[in-house]
Amino acid sequence: MAVPCERSAQIHAFARFLLSNHSPELRSILLSPDPILHYSLTISFAILLDSDPSLAVLFSSQPSPLLPLFDHAARLSQGIVLDGSKDLVDEGASVKEFVHVRVDVCGSPLEFPEMFPSIGRVRVKHRGVLLTLKGTVIRSGSVKMIEGEREYECRRCRHRFKVYPELETGNTIRLPTSCPSKGSKSCEGTNFQFVSDSIICHDYQEIKIQESTQVLAVGSIPRSIPVILMDDLVDVVKAGDDIIVTGVLTAKWSADLKDVRCDLDPMLIGNHVRRTNELKSEIDIPNDVIKKFEQFWSAFKDAPLKGRNGILKGICPQVFGLFTVKLAVALTLIGGVQHADASGMKVRGESHLLLVGDPGKSQFLKFAAKLSNRAVITTGLGSTSAGLTVTAVKDGGEWMLEAGALVLADGGLCCIDEFDSMREHDRATIHEAMEQQTISVAKAGLVTTLSTRTIVFGATNPKGQYDPNQSLSVNTTLSGPLLSRFDIVLVLLDTKNPEWDAIVSSHILAEKGEPRRGNSDEDLGEVWSLPMLRRYIYYVKQRFKPVLTEESEQVISRYYQLQRRSGTQNAARITVRMLESLIRLAQAHARLMFRDEVTRLDAIAAILCMESSMTTSAIVDTVGNALHSNFTDNPDQEYARQEQLILEKLRSINE
């Protein structure tokens, strides 16, 4: 504990730092009208380290005693700025009592692994030092009022002193055993009385953050830790947000229950919080890799579909064939362009995919999760009480929101196996989560809206033997409105096909007998590697914002009209939502083809993909079973034949 002269030196040293680096922020606080609000003053630890290395090092090792001194220095600095500026006095500026210094460690040595461990690696050695943790908010409690300090008076010598509640013991107040007065004679009084109107309260919120599953090894369990947010930090984050929080690690006694051992649970008292939602999908792509992409498409300038198929072969390469499924996976992961309609309502750009059938679904779910930098894999039942969406749970007598899989996957991909087995409360809210990309919550007095800007990749089994003569909702336990949220629904029917069986068996035997030579990360050979696919998907999503050409608009419009006029069993569910799905798929195909505009080729490719998701086609009779679709030797010639067939059918719209 620093002696008073040392504390005074530290206060004046930090005040000098604030005056030289944060005078505009101090002036802004002085001019603020409300004197009882809590204000934050954010400083950079890297700048403090350059300005006063000894103070910065001392602060990183002993933040708990120094943070109150820093707050005191902020009040002292306000007075110095106010005394030296007559215009501030004329404008009615006043010194604010509640100013809290927030320390941002971005770009400083405190971002090194030793001071920036994962949540699962927090140990006793980190207690009491300035610690930075990164994670996803999985629970957020309501904002409460907590007592920060109160004043007592000694009945014997009338000495007044402040007492601070201890968070570690449930915010209990411990009075000193004797009077703490430091006069010439020791009072040693033991009888104290509370000074009325001396209580100072703070806003208080408890959240829980969990380490990202993307950085964990296989089989590891993601760890979580509660975080205490106070004053200006409350209500700045919500469930599903990715945050980097800096604070002081301490411990809290667990609840005192009969026949249960009382333990110390780790807890982080937050000092600075930074949301990193915009960084969820950041992937570093060097310029030489971008040049390889451009060279790849230059090489396939005369046969673009052959180049496209070369990319698609890298998707789940252990599964033979299934061209239609691999194309659907690629278009779903890439997605279209989000836009707003005339009323200001946003129309989602993310696509959703559902696979129905028995073989190979889980393989594609796991591989798609690897392609996305942020992915959550779960089952319809969900792994926690939150399930797929969100729920309210009671933790320590307090209601808190717990985020489900769709909220945790915000900005990424949510893979849901056994989609038909989801919970009842998920079925009621997943419609909004998939279409409006939000979840409106009103549970246990907690009313909020959470973001679910995620791609949904679902897989389900048919209900008994699949009957092609019945609709999809009859063959599955999914309702028609829920099925309409999916842009592509592929039914994988394992029908008897001797020719296909011979091809598959020959491929499997050849794979077993001859070792596979995989490509390196930087090689764009016949089969793309997983890292290159991830980089390519991320790059085309950020680089290209395709717009429809007049030719592609005509093709999509005529196909939509033809579907509405058709007498197939799907005509009843052909709505404007299907038209939006067609546009998203065409834009995704343009991105896949490394283009900034949607051509007729992209529109027809989207139509063929949409036709594959229908059990009865209205335009193409040769699409076939998605399970038995294979890569052709000359895809450009095959496309020319299909294009001619489709355009002939579409011309009948005007006749």
Foldseek 3Di string as FASTA:
>chain_A
DDDPVVLVVLLVVLLVVCVVPPPVVLLVLQLDDDQAAAAEDEDELAVVCVSPVVSSVVCQQAVPVCQVSNLVSSLVSSVVSPVVDVVSVVSVGDRHNHYGYFYDHPPHPCCPCVQEPEPVPDDPVQARGKHKYWFFWFKKFDKDKAWAKFKKAFPQPRDIDIWGFDVQEVRDTDDDCADPDDDPDGPRGRDIDTDPPGIDMKIKIKIKGWHAPLPDDPPDDIDMAIEIEIRPRPPPDAGLWIKMFIFGKDWHWDDDDPPDDIDTGIYGYTRDMDTDRVCQQDDDDDPVLVVVVVVLLVVCVVALVLSLVLALCQQLVVDAFLSLVSLVLLLQQLFADWDADPVRQIWARHAEEEEEADPDQVSNLVSSQLLTSAEAEAEQQFDDPLGAAWDWDADPNGIMIGGGRQSNRAPIEYEYEQNQPHDPVCLVFVLCCLTSQKGFDCPPNDTDIGGRSYYYYYYHYFDPDDDLVDDRCNRGVDDPSVVLSHLFYAYFDPDDDVVLVVVVVVVVVVPVVDPDDDDDQSDSPSHHHSNSSSVLSVCLSVPANAEEDPQLVLLLVLVLVLLCPDPDPCNVVSDVSNSVSLNGQQRSVCSSSVHRYRDNLSSVVSVLSRQNRDSDGRQDDPSDHSNSHGDDPRVVVVSVVVVVSRVVVSVVSVD
